[in-house]
Amino acid sequence: CLLSCLFGENRDIFFPKLSKDLHLITFKEIAETFL
């Protein structure tokens, strides 16, 4: 949010790039790890 606020040009929409670090995870996987 701060990056977009301070550096975004007019009408820019910032979003996280997909990478090996950001990937889809199921809620079931997280629940099992959480437990």
PDB file of all heavy atoms in Angstrom:
ATOM      1  N   CYS A   1       0.832  -1.206   0.000  1.00  0.00           N
ATOM      2  CA  CYS A   1       0.000   0.000   0.000  1.00  0.00           C
ATOM      3  C   CYS A   1       0.866   1.256   0.000  1.00  0.00           C
ATOM      4  O   CYS A   1       0.588   2.216  -0.738  1.00  0.00           O
ATOM      5  CB  CYS A   1      -0.918   0.007   1.220  1.00  0.00           C
ATOM      6  SG  CYS A   1      -2.227  -1.238   1.166  1.00  0.00           S
ATOM      7  N   LEU A   2       1.915   1.272   0.816  1.00  0.00           N
ATOM      8  CA  LEU A   2       2.768   2.455   0.892  1.00  0.00           C
ATOM      9  C   LEU A   2       3.521   2.677  -0.414  1.00  0.00           C
ATOM     10  O   LEU A   2       3.658   3.817  -0.881  1.00  0.00           O
ATOM     11  CB  LEU A   2       3.749   2.331   2.059  1.00  0.00           C
ATOM     12  CG  LEU A   2       4.516   3.615   2.429  1.00  0.00           C
ATOM     13  CD1 LEU A   2       3.557   4.733   2.801  1.00  0.00           C
ATOM     14  CD2 LEU A   2       5.501   3.353   3.560  1.00  0.00           C
ATOM     15  N   LEU A   3       4.002   1.604  -1.030  1.00  0.00           N
ATOM     16  CA  LEU A   3       4.685   1.733  -2.320  1.00  0.00           C
ATOM     17  C   LEU A   3       3.759   2.336  -3.368  1.00  0.00           C
ATOM     18  O   LEU A   3       4.146   3.233  -4.120  1.00  0.00           O
ATOM     19  CB  LEU A   3       5.191   0.362  -2.787  1.00  0.00           C
ATOM     20  CG  LEU A   3       6.412  -0.218  -2.082  1.00  0.00           C
ATOM     21  CD1 LEU A   3       6.643  -1.669  -2.516  1.00  0.00           C
ATOM     22  CD2 LEU A   3       7.661   0.612  -2.373  1.00  0.00           C
ATOM     23  N   SER A   4       2.528   1.839  -3.432  1.00  0.00           N
ATOM     24  CA  SER A   4       1.582   2.358  -4.409  1.00  0.00           C
ATOM     25  C   SER A   4       1.246   3.814  -4.129  1.00  0.00           C
ATOM     26  O   SER A   4       1.191   4.650  -5.036  1.00  0.00           O
ATOM     27  CB  SER A   4       0.298   1.521  -4.413  1.00  0.00           C
ATOM     28  OG  SER A   4      -0.660   2.060  -5.300  1.00  0.00           O
ATOM     29  N   CYS A   5       1.038   4.134  -2.851  1.00  0.00           N
ATOM     30  CA  CYS A   5       0.682   5.500  -2.472  1.00  0.00           C
ATOM     31  C   CYS A   5       1.787   6.487  -2.851  1.00  0.00           C
ATOM     32  O   CYS A   5       1.509   7.545  -3.430  1.00  0.00           O
ATOM     33  CB  CYS A   5       0.416   5.569  -0.970  1.00  0.00           C
ATOM     34  SG  CYS A   5       0.089   7.241  -0.363  1.00  0.00           S
ATOM     35  N   LEU A   6       3.033   6.156  -2.532  1.00  0.00           N
ATOM     36  CA  LEU A   6       4.136   7.103  -2.715  1.00  0.00           C
ATOM     37  C   LEU A   6       4.688   7.119  -4.139  1.00  0.00           C
ATOM     38  O   LEU A   6       5.146   8.166  -4.620  1.00  0.00           O
ATOM     39  CB  LEU A   6       5.262   6.795  -1.735  1.00  0.00           C
ATOM     40  CG  LEU A   6       4.923   6.889  -0.243  1.00  0.00           C
ATOM     41  CD1 LEU A   6       6.170   6.667   0.596  1.00  0.00           C
ATOM     42  CD2 LEU A   6       4.268   8.211   0.102  1.00  0.00           C
ATOM     43  N   PHE A   7       4.665   5.976  -4.830  1.00  0.00           N
ATOM     44  CA  PHE A   7       5.341   5.880  -6.128  1.00  0.00           C
ATOM     45  C   PHE A   7       4.405   5.589  -7.300  1.00  0.00           C
ATOM     46  O   PHE A   7       4.823   5.681  -8.455  1.00  0.00           O
ATOM     47  CB  PHE A   7       6.444   4.820  -6.064  1.00  0.00           C
ATOM     48  CG  PHE A   7       7.494   5.121  -5.034  1.00  0.00           C
ATOM     49  CD1 PHE A   7       7.547   4.395  -3.852  1.00  0.00           C
ATOM     50  CD2 PHE A   7       8.403   6.146  -5.229  1.00  0.00           C
ATOM     51  CE1 PHE A   7       8.501   4.689  -2.893  1.00  0.00           C
ATOM     52  CE2 PHE A   7       9.369   6.436  -4.279  1.00  0.00           C
ATOM     53  CZ  PHE A   7       9.422   5.715  -3.101  1.00  0.00           C
ATOM     54  N   GLY A   8       3.175   5.213  -7.017  1.00  0.00           N
ATOM     55  CA  GLY A   8       2.237   4.929  -8.097  1.00  0.00           C
ATOM     56  C   GLY A   8       1.894   6.186  -8.882  1.00  0.00           C
ATOM     57  O   GLY A   8       1.632   7.238  -8.303  1.00  0.00           O
ATOM     58  N   GLU A   9       1.899   6.073 -10.190  1.00  0.00           N
ATOM     59  CA  GLU A   9       1.449   7.180 -11.032  1.00  0.00           C
ATOM     60  C   GLU A   9      -0.074   7.196 -11.055  1.00  0.00           C
ATOM     61  O   GLU A   9      -0.736   6.258 -10.601  1.00  0.00           O
ATOM     62  CB  GLU A   9       2.021   7.020 -12.440  1.00  0.00           C
ATOM     63  CG  GLU A   9       3.542   7.100 -12.479  1.00  0.00           C
ATOM     64  CD  GLU A   9       4.110   6.930 -13.880  1.00  0.00           C
ATOM     65  OE1 GLU A   9       3.345   6.537 -14.791  1.00  0.00           O
ATOM     66  OE2 GLU A   9       5.318   7.174 -14.062  1.00  0.00           O
ATOM     67  N   ASN A  10      -0.622   8.274 -11.562  1.00  0.00           N
ATOM     68  CA  ASN A  10      -2.072   8.418 -11.569  1.00  0.00           C
ATOM     69  C   ASN A  10      -2.746   7.230 -12.278  1.00  0.00           C
ATOM     70  O   ASN A  10      -2.373   6.870 -13.386  1.00  0.00           O
ATOM     71  CB  ASN A  10      -2.457   9.724 -12.268  1.00  0.00           C
ATOM     72  CG  ASN A  10      -3.880  10.158 -11.955  1.00  0.00           C
ATOM     73  OD1 ASN A  10      -4.517   9.621 -11.055  1.00  0.00           O
ATOM     74  ND2 ASN A  10      -4.389  11.129 -12.705  1.00  0.00           N
ATOM     75  N   ARG A  11      -3.685   6.612 -11.561  1.00  0.00           N
ATOM     76  CA  ARG A  11      -4.502   5.481 -12.039  1.00  0.00           C
ATOM     77  C   ARG A  11      -3.769   4.139 -12.009  1.00  0.00           C
ATOM     78  O   ARG A  11      -4.287   3.136 -12.487  1.00  0.00           O
ATOM     79  CB  ARG A  11      -5.062   5.752 -13.455  1.00  0.00           C
ATOM     80  CG  ARG A  11      -6.042   6.910 -13.496  1.00  0.00           C
ATOM     81  CD  ARG A  11      -6.564   7.153 -14.901  1.00  0.00           C
ATOM     82  NE  ARG A  11      -5.543   7.722 -15.781  1.00  0.00           N
ATOM     83  CZ  ARG A  11      -5.269   9.022 -15.870  1.00  0.00           C
ATOM     84  NH1 ARG A  11      -5.929   9.892 -15.129  1.00  0.00           N
ATOM     85  NH2 ARG A  11      -4.334   9.457 -16.690  1.00  0.00           N
ATOM     86  N   ASP A  12      -2.562   4.088 -11.461  1.00  0.00           N
ATOM     87  CA  ASP A  12      -1.842   2.807 -11.348  1.00  0.00           C
ATOM     88  C   ASP A  12      -2.505   1.893 -10.328  1.00  0.00           C
ATOM     89  O   ASP A  12      -2.974   2.341  -9.271  1.00  0.00           O
ATOM     90  CB  ASP A  12      -0.391   3.039 -10.903  1.00  0.00           C
ATOM     91  CG  ASP A  12       0.522   3.455 -12.037  1.00  0.00           C
ATOM     92  OD1 ASP A  12       0.059   3.514 -13.192  1.00  0.00           O
ATOM     93  OD2 ASP A  12       1.719   3.722 -11.763  1.00  0.00           O
ATOM     94  N   ILE A  13      -2.515   0.595 -10.642  1.00  0.00           N
ATOM     95  CA  ILE A  13      -2.957  -0.430  -9.699  1.00  0.00           C
ATOM     96  C   ILE A  13      -1.774  -1.365  -9.457  1.00  0.00           C
ATOM     97  O   ILE A  13      -1.323  -2.049 -10.375  1.00  0.00           O
ATOM     98  CB  ILE A  13      -4.160  -1.226 -10.235  1.00  0.00           C
ATOM     99  CG1 ILE A  13      -5.337  -0.290 -10.547  1.00  0.00           C
ATOM    100  CG2 ILE A  13      -4.583  -2.291  -9.215  1.00  0.00           C
ATOM    101  CD1 ILE A  13      -6.533  -0.992 -11.199  1.00  0.00           C
ATOM    102  N   PHE A  14      -1.253  -1.387  -8.235  1.00  0.00           N
ATOM    103  CA  PHE A  14      -0.121  -2.253  -7.884  1.00  0.00           C
ATOM    104  C   PHE A  14      -0.642  -3.632  -7.479  1.00  0.00           C
ATOM    105  O   PHE A  14      -1.733  -3.757  -6.918  1.00  0.00           O
ATOM    106  CB  PHE A  14       0.669  -1.655  -6.719  1.00  0.00           C
ATOM    107  CG  PHE A  14       1.648  -0.573  -7.111  1.00  0.00           C
ATOM    108  CD1 PHE A  14       1.349   0.342  -8.095  1.00  0.00           C
ATOM    109  CD2 PHE A  14       2.877  -0.464  -6.471  1.00  0.00           C
ATOM    110  CE1 PHE A  14       2.238   1.339  -8.463  1.00  0.00           C
ATOM    111  CE2 PHE A  14       3.784   0.525  -6.814  1.00  0.00           C
ATOM    112  CZ  PHE A  14       3.468   1.432  -7.811  1.00  0.00           C
ATOM    113  N   PHE A  15       0.155  -4.661  -7.758  1.00  0.00           N
ATOM    114  CA  PHE A  15      -0.184  -6.015  -7.312  1.00  0.00           C
ATOM    115  C   PHE A  15       1.098  -6.825  -7.144  1.00  0.00           C
ATOM    116  O   PHE A  15       2.131  -6.494  -7.741  1.00  0.00           O
ATOM    117  CB  PHE A  15      -1.126  -6.707  -8.308  1.00  0.00           C
ATOM    118  CG  PHE A  15      -0.531  -6.931  -9.681  1.00  0.00           C
ATOM    119  CD1 PHE A  15       0.157  -8.097  -9.983  1.00  0.00           C
ATOM    120  CD2 PHE A  15      -0.654  -5.965 -10.673  1.00  0.00           C
ATOM    121  CE1 PHE A  15       0.709  -8.308 -11.244  1.00  0.00           C
ATOM    122  CE2 PHE A  15      -0.105  -6.155 -11.935  1.00  0.00           C
ATOM    123  CZ  PHE A  15       0.582  -7.328 -12.220  1.00  0.00           C
ATOM    124  N   PRO A  16       1.087  -7.885  -6.327  1.00  0.00           N
ATOM    125  CA  PRO A  16       2.289  -8.710  -6.155  1.00  0.00           C
ATOM    126  C   PRO A  16       2.537  -9.563  -7.400  1.00  0.00           C
ATOM    127  O   PRO A  16       1.612 -10.198  -7.914  1.00  0.00           O
ATOM    128  CB  PRO A  16       1.955  -9.610  -4.959  1.00  0.00           C
ATOM    129  CG  PRO A  16       0.679  -9.095  -4.399  1.00  0.00           C
ATOM    130  CD  PRO A  16      -0.017  -8.364  -5.489  1.00  0.00           C
ATOM    131  N   LYS A  17       3.778  -9.555  -7.866  1.00  0.00           N
ATOM    132  CA  LYS A  17       4.132 -10.438  -8.980  1.00  0.00           C
ATOM    133  C   LYS A  17       4.107 -11.891  -8.519  1.00  0.00           C
ATOM    134  O   LYS A  17       4.527 -12.216  -7.403  1.00  0.00           O
ATOM    135  CB  LYS A  17       5.549 -10.129  -9.476  1.00  0.00           C
ATOM    136  CG  LYS A  17       5.685  -8.925 -10.362  1.00  0.00           C
ATOM    137  CD  LYS A  17       7.134  -8.844 -10.849  1.00  0.00           C
ATOM    138  CE  LYS A  17       7.422  -7.575 -11.614  1.00  0.00           C
ATOM    139  NZ  LYS A  17       8.849  -7.483 -11.999  1.00  0.00           N
ATOM    140  N   LEU A  18       3.655 -12.759  -9.396  1.00  0.00           N
ATOM    141  CA  LEU A  18       3.727 -14.181  -9.109  1.00  0.00           C
ATOM    142  C   LEU A  18       5.178 -14.639  -9.235  1.00  0.00           C
ATOM    143  O   LEU A  18       5.917 -14.194 -10.106  1.00  0.00           O
ATOM    144  CB  LEU A  18       2.843 -14.968 -10.069  1.00  0.00           C
ATOM    145  CG  LEU A  18       1.360 -14.580 -10.080  1.00  0.00           C
ATOM    146  CD1 LEU A  18       0.581 -15.556 -10.947  1.00  0.00           C
ATOM    147  CD2 LEU A  18       0.799 -14.555  -8.678  1.00  0.00           C
ATOM    148  N   SER A  19       5.590 -15.528  -8.351  1.00  0.00           N
ATOM    149  CA  SER A  19       6.965 -16.024  -8.349  1.00  0.00           C
ATOM    150  C   SER A  19       6.996 -17.353  -7.627  1.00  0.00           C
ATOM    151  O   SER A  19       5.963 -17.861  -7.179  1.00  0.00           O
ATOM    152  CB  SER A  19       7.889 -15.022  -7.638  1.00  0.00           C
ATOM    153  OG  SER A  19       7.559 -14.960  -6.258  1.00  0.00           O
ATOM    154  N   LYS A  20       8.194 -17.884  -7.459  1.00  0.00           N
ATOM    155  CA  LYS A  20       8.315 -19.139  -6.706  1.00  0.00           C
ATOM    156  C   LYS A  20       7.913 -18.932  -5.246  1.00  0.00           C
ATOM    157  O   LYS A  20       7.539 -19.869  -4.546  1.00  0.00           O
ATOM    158  CB  LYS A  20       9.747 -19.667  -6.776  1.00  0.00           C
ATOM    159  CG  LYS A  20      10.803 -18.760  -6.170  1.00  0.00           C
ATOM    160  CD  LYS A  20      12.183 -19.370  -6.282  1.00  0.00           C
ATOM    161  CE  LYS A  20      13.271 -18.449  -5.727  1.00  0.00           C
ATOM    162  NZ  LYS A  20      13.091 -18.159  -4.298  1.00  0.00           N
ATOM    163  N   ASP A  21       7.971 -17.645  -4.782  1.00  0.00           N
ATOM    164  CA  ASP A  21       7.614 -17.353  -3.400  1.00  0.00           C
ATOM    165  C   ASP A  21       6.123 -17.082  -3.232  1.00  0.00           C
ATOM    166  O   ASP A  21       5.581 -17.230  -2.140  1.00  0.00           O
ATOM    167  CB  ASP A  21       8.401 -16.141  -2.888  1.00  0.00           C
ATOM    168  CG  ASP A  21       9.882 -16.451  -2.714  1.00  0.00           C
ATOM    169  OD1 ASP A  21      10.181 -17.552  -2.245  1.00  0.00           O
ATOM    170  OD2 ASP A  21      10.716 -15.608  -3.070  1.00  0.00           O
ATOM    171  N   LEU A  22       5.470 -16.631  -4.294  1.00  0.00           N
ATOM    172  CA  LEU A  22       4.040 -16.352  -4.208  1.00  0.00           C
ATOM    173  C   LEU A  22       3.304 -17.318  -5.116  1.00  0.00           C
ATOM    174  O   LEU A  22       3.358 -17.219  -6.340  1.00  0.00           O
ATOM    175  CB  LEU A  22       3.734 -14.912  -4.618  1.00  0.00           C
ATOM    176  CG  LEU A  22       2.257 -14.503  -4.486  1.00  0.00           C
ATOM    177  CD1 LEU A  22       1.815 -14.532  -3.025  1.00  0.00           C
ATOM    178  CD2 LEU A  22       2.024 -13.131  -5.079  1.00  0.00           C
ATOM    179  N   HIS A  23       2.625 -18.266  -4.512  1.00  0.00           N
ATOM    180  CA  HIS A  23       1.920 -19.273  -5.299  1.00  0.00           C
ATOM    181  C   HIS A  23       0.622 -19.649  -4.597  1.00  0.00           C
ATOM    182  O   HIS A  23       0.409 -19.342  -3.429  1.00  0.00           O
ATOM    183  CB  HIS A  23       2.804 -20.516  -5.500  1.00  0.00           C
ATOM    184  CG  HIS A  23       3.395 -21.034  -4.221  1.00  0.00           C
ATOM    185  ND1 HIS A  23       4.600 -20.619  -3.731  1.00  0.00           N
ATOM    186  CD2 HIS A  23       2.921 -21.908  -3.316  1.00  0.00           C
ATOM    187  CE1 HIS A  23       4.863 -21.229  -2.586  1.00  0.00           C
ATOM    188  NE2 HIS A  23       3.858 -22.011  -2.302  1.00  0.00           N
ATOM    189  N   LEU A  24      -0.245 -20.308  -5.328  1.00  0.00           N
ATOM    190  CA  LEU A  24      -1.541 -20.694  -4.791  1.00  0.00           C
ATOM    191  C   LEU A  24      -1.406 -21.822  -3.775  1.00  0.00           C
ATOM    192  O   LEU A  24      -0.681 -22.789  -3.988  1.00  0.00           O
ATOM    193  CB  LEU A  24      -2.462 -21.132  -5.934  1.00  0.00           C
ATOM    194  CG  LEU A  24      -2.939 -20.007  -6.867  1.00  0.00           C
ATOM    195  CD1 LEU A  24      -3.476 -20.588  -8.162  1.00  0.00           C
ATOM    196  CD2 LEU A  24      -3.994 -19.152  -6.189  1.00  0.00           C
ATOM    197  N   ILE A  25      -2.124 -21.682  -2.662  1.00  0.00           N
ATOM    198  CA  ILE A  25      -2.115 -22.689  -1.601  1.00  0.00           C
ATOM    199  C   ILE A  25      -3.556 -22.957  -1.194  1.00  0.00           C
ATOM    200  O   ILE A  25      -4.377 -22.029  -1.139  1.00  0.00           O
ATOM    201  CB  ILE A  25      -1.333 -22.196  -0.359  1.00  0.00           C
ATOM    202  CG1 ILE A  25       0.026 -21.628  -0.748  1.00  0.00           C
ATOM    203  CG2 ILE A  25      -1.161 -23.321   0.659  1.00  0.00           C
ATOM    204  CD1 ILE A  25       0.734 -20.932   0.396  1.00  0.00           C
ATOM    205  N   THR A  26      -3.872 -24.200  -0.887  1.00  0.00           N
ATOM    206  CA  THR A  26      -5.218 -24.516  -0.420  1.00  0.00           C
ATOM    207  C   THR A  26      -5.331 -24.226   1.081  1.00  0.00           C
ATOM    208  O   THR A  26      -4.354 -24.278   1.826  1.00  0.00           O
ATOM    209  CB  THR A  26      -5.572 -25.994  -0.653  1.00  0.00           C
ATOM    210  OG1 THR A  26      -4.733 -26.818   0.164  1.00  0.00           O
ATOM    211  CG2 THR A  26      -5.411 -26.372  -2.116  1.00  0.00           C
ATOM    212  N   PHE A  27      -6.547 -23.903   1.507  1.00  0.00           N
ATOM    213  CA  PHE A  27      -6.793 -23.700   2.927  1.00  0.00           C
ATOM    214  C   PHE A  27      -6.522 -24.983   3.713  1.00  0.00           C
ATOM    215  O   PHE A  27      -6.099 -24.932   4.870  1.00  0.00           O
ATOM    216  CB  PHE A  27      -8.237 -23.241   3.155  1.00  0.00           C
ATOM    217  CG  PHE A  27      -8.480 -21.806   2.776  1.00  0.00           C
ATOM    218  CD1 PHE A  27      -9.297 -21.486   1.703  1.00  0.00           C
ATOM    219  CD2 PHE A  27      -7.896 -20.779   3.489  1.00  0.00           C
ATOM    220  CE1 PHE A  27      -9.531 -20.168   1.350  1.00  0.00           C
ATOM    221  CE2 PHE A  27      -8.122 -19.449   3.147  1.00  0.00           C
ATOM    222  CZ  PHE A  27      -8.943 -19.148   2.077  1.00  0.00           C
ATOM    223  N   LYS A  28      -6.770 -26.116   3.094  1.00  0.00           N
ATOM    224  CA  LYS A  28      -6.522 -27.402   3.761  1.00  0.00           C
ATOM    225  C   LYS A  28      -5.035 -27.553   4.084  1.00  0.00           C
ATOM    226  O   LYS A  28      -4.672 -27.971   5.195  1.00  0.00           O
ATOM    227  CB  LYS A  28      -6.993 -28.544   2.862  1.00  0.00           C
ATOM    228  CG  LYS A  28      -6.779 -29.946   3.428  1.00  0.00           C
ATOM    229  CD  LYS A  28      -7.405 -30.989   2.502  1.00  0.00           C
ATOM    230  CE  LYS A  28      -7.239 -32.404   3.033  1.00  0.00           C
ATOM    231  NZ  LYS A  28      -5.867 -32.912   2.863  1.00  0.00           N
ATOM    232  N   GLU A  29      -4.171 -27.196   3.130  1.00  0.00           N
ATOM    233  CA  GLU A  29      -2.729 -27.282   3.373  1.00  0.00           C
ATOM    234  C   GLU A  29      -2.311 -26.408   4.552  1.00  0.00           C
ATOM    235  O   GLU A  29      -1.528 -26.833   5.414  1.00  0.00           O
ATOM    236  CB  GLU A  29      -1.956 -26.825   2.131  1.00  0.00           C
ATOM    237  CG  GLU A  29      -1.989 -27.759   0.945  1.00  0.00           C
ATOM    238  CD  GLU A  29      -1.226 -27.156  -0.224  1.00  0.00           C
ATOM    239  OE1 GLU A  29       0.000 -27.344  -0.293  1.00  0.00           O
ATOM    240  OE2 GLU A  29      -1.861 -26.476  -1.066  1.00  0.00           O
ATOM    241  N   ILE A  30      -2.832 -25.198   4.579  1.00  0.00           N
ATOM    242  CA  ILE A  30      -2.456 -24.275   5.661  1.00  0.00           C
ATOM    243  C   ILE A  30      -2.993 -24.784   6.993  1.00  0.00           C
ATOM    244  O   ILE A  30      -2.304 -24.702   8.026  1.00  0.00           O
ATOM    245  CB  ILE A  30      -2.960 -22.851   5.366  1.00  0.00           C
ATOM    246  CG1 ILE A  30      -2.223 -22.287   4.153  1.00  0.00           C
ATOM    247  CG2 ILE A  30      -2.771 -21.942   6.569  1.00  0.00           C
ATOM    248  CD1 ILE A  30      -2.619 -20.879   3.788  1.00  0.00           C
ATOM    249  N   ALA A  31      -4.209 -25.311   6.996  1.00  0.00           N
ATOM    250  CA  ALA A  31      -4.786 -25.839   8.238  1.00  0.00           C
ATOM    251  C   ALA A  31      -3.924 -26.963   8.800  1.00  0.00           C
ATOM    252  O   ALA A  31      -3.661 -27.017  10.011  1.00  0.00           O
ATOM    253  CB  ALA A  31      -6.208 -26.327   7.984  1.00  0.00           C
ATOM    254  N   GLU A  32      -3.482 -27.846   7.937  1.00  0.00           N
ATOM    255  CA  GLU A  32      -2.652 -28.965   8.395  1.00  0.00           C
ATOM    256  C   GLU A  32      -1.322 -28.482   8.959  1.00  0.00           C
ATOM    257  O   GLU A  32      -0.859 -28.962  10.005  1.00  0.00           O
ATOM    258  CB  GLU A  32      -2.432 -29.944   7.238  1.00  0.00           C
ATOM    259  CG  GLU A  32      -3.712 -30.679   6.836  1.00  0.00           C
ATOM    260  CD  GLU A  32      -3.585 -31.417   5.504  1.00  0.00           C
ATOM    261  OE1 GLU A  32      -2.691 -31.073   4.696  1.00  0.00           O
ATOM    262  OE2 GLU A  32      -4.394 -32.339   5.270  1.00  0.00           O
ATOM    263  N   THR A  33      -0.701 -27.505   8.284  1.00  0.00           N
ATOM    264  CA  THR A  33       0.558 -26.952   8.780  1.00  0.00           C
ATOM    265  C   THR A  33       0.340 -26.199  10.081  1.00  0.00           C
ATOM    266  O   THR A  33       1.140 -26.289  11.022  1.00  0.00           O
ATOM    267  CB  THR A  33       1.177 -26.001   7.730  1.00  0.00           C
ATOM    268  OG1 THR A  33       1.298 -26.680   6.490  1.00  0.00           O
ATOM    269  CG2 THR A  33       2.547 -25.512   8.182  1.00  0.00           C
ATOM    270  N   PHE A  34      -0.747 -25.447  10.165  1.00  0.00           N
ATOM    271  CA  PHE A  34      -1.078 -24.684  11.365  1.00  0.00           C
ATOM    272  C   PHE A  34      -1.231 -25.608  12.571  1.00  0.00           C
ATOM    273  O   PHE A  34      -0.723 -25.326  13.665  1.00  0.00           O
ATOM    274  CB  PHE A  34      -2.365 -23.900  11.129  1.00  0.00           C
ATOM    275  CG  PHE A  34      -2.882 -23.165  12.327  1.00  0.00           C
ATOM    276  CD1 PHE A  34      -2.317 -21.969  12.724  1.00  0.00           C
ATOM    277  CD2 PHE A  34      -3.958 -23.662  13.048  1.00  0.00           C
ATOM    278  CE1 PHE A  34      -2.802 -21.284  13.844  1.00  0.00           C
ATOM    279  CE2 PHE A  34      -4.453 -22.985  14.154  1.00  0.00           C
ATOM    280  CZ  PHE A  34      -3.872 -21.804  14.548  1.00  0.00           C
ATOM    281  N   LEU A  35      -1.929 -26.712  12.380  1.00  0.00           N
ATOM    282  CA  LEU A  35      -2.104 -27.667  13.477  1.00  0.00           C
ATOM    283  C   LEU A  35      -0.769 -28.262  13.914  1.00  0.00           C
ATOM    284  O   LEU A  35      -0.497 -28.412  15.107  1.00  0.00           O
ATOM    285  CB  LEU A  35      -3.073 -28.773  13.065  1.00  0.00           C
ATOM    286  CG  LEU A  35      -4.551 -28.373  12.993  1.00  0.00           C
ATOM    287  CD1 LEU A  35      -5.381 -29.503  12.412  1.00  0.00           C
ATOM    288  CD2 LEU A  35      -5.071 -27.987  14.379  1.00  0.00           C
TER     289      LEU A  35
END
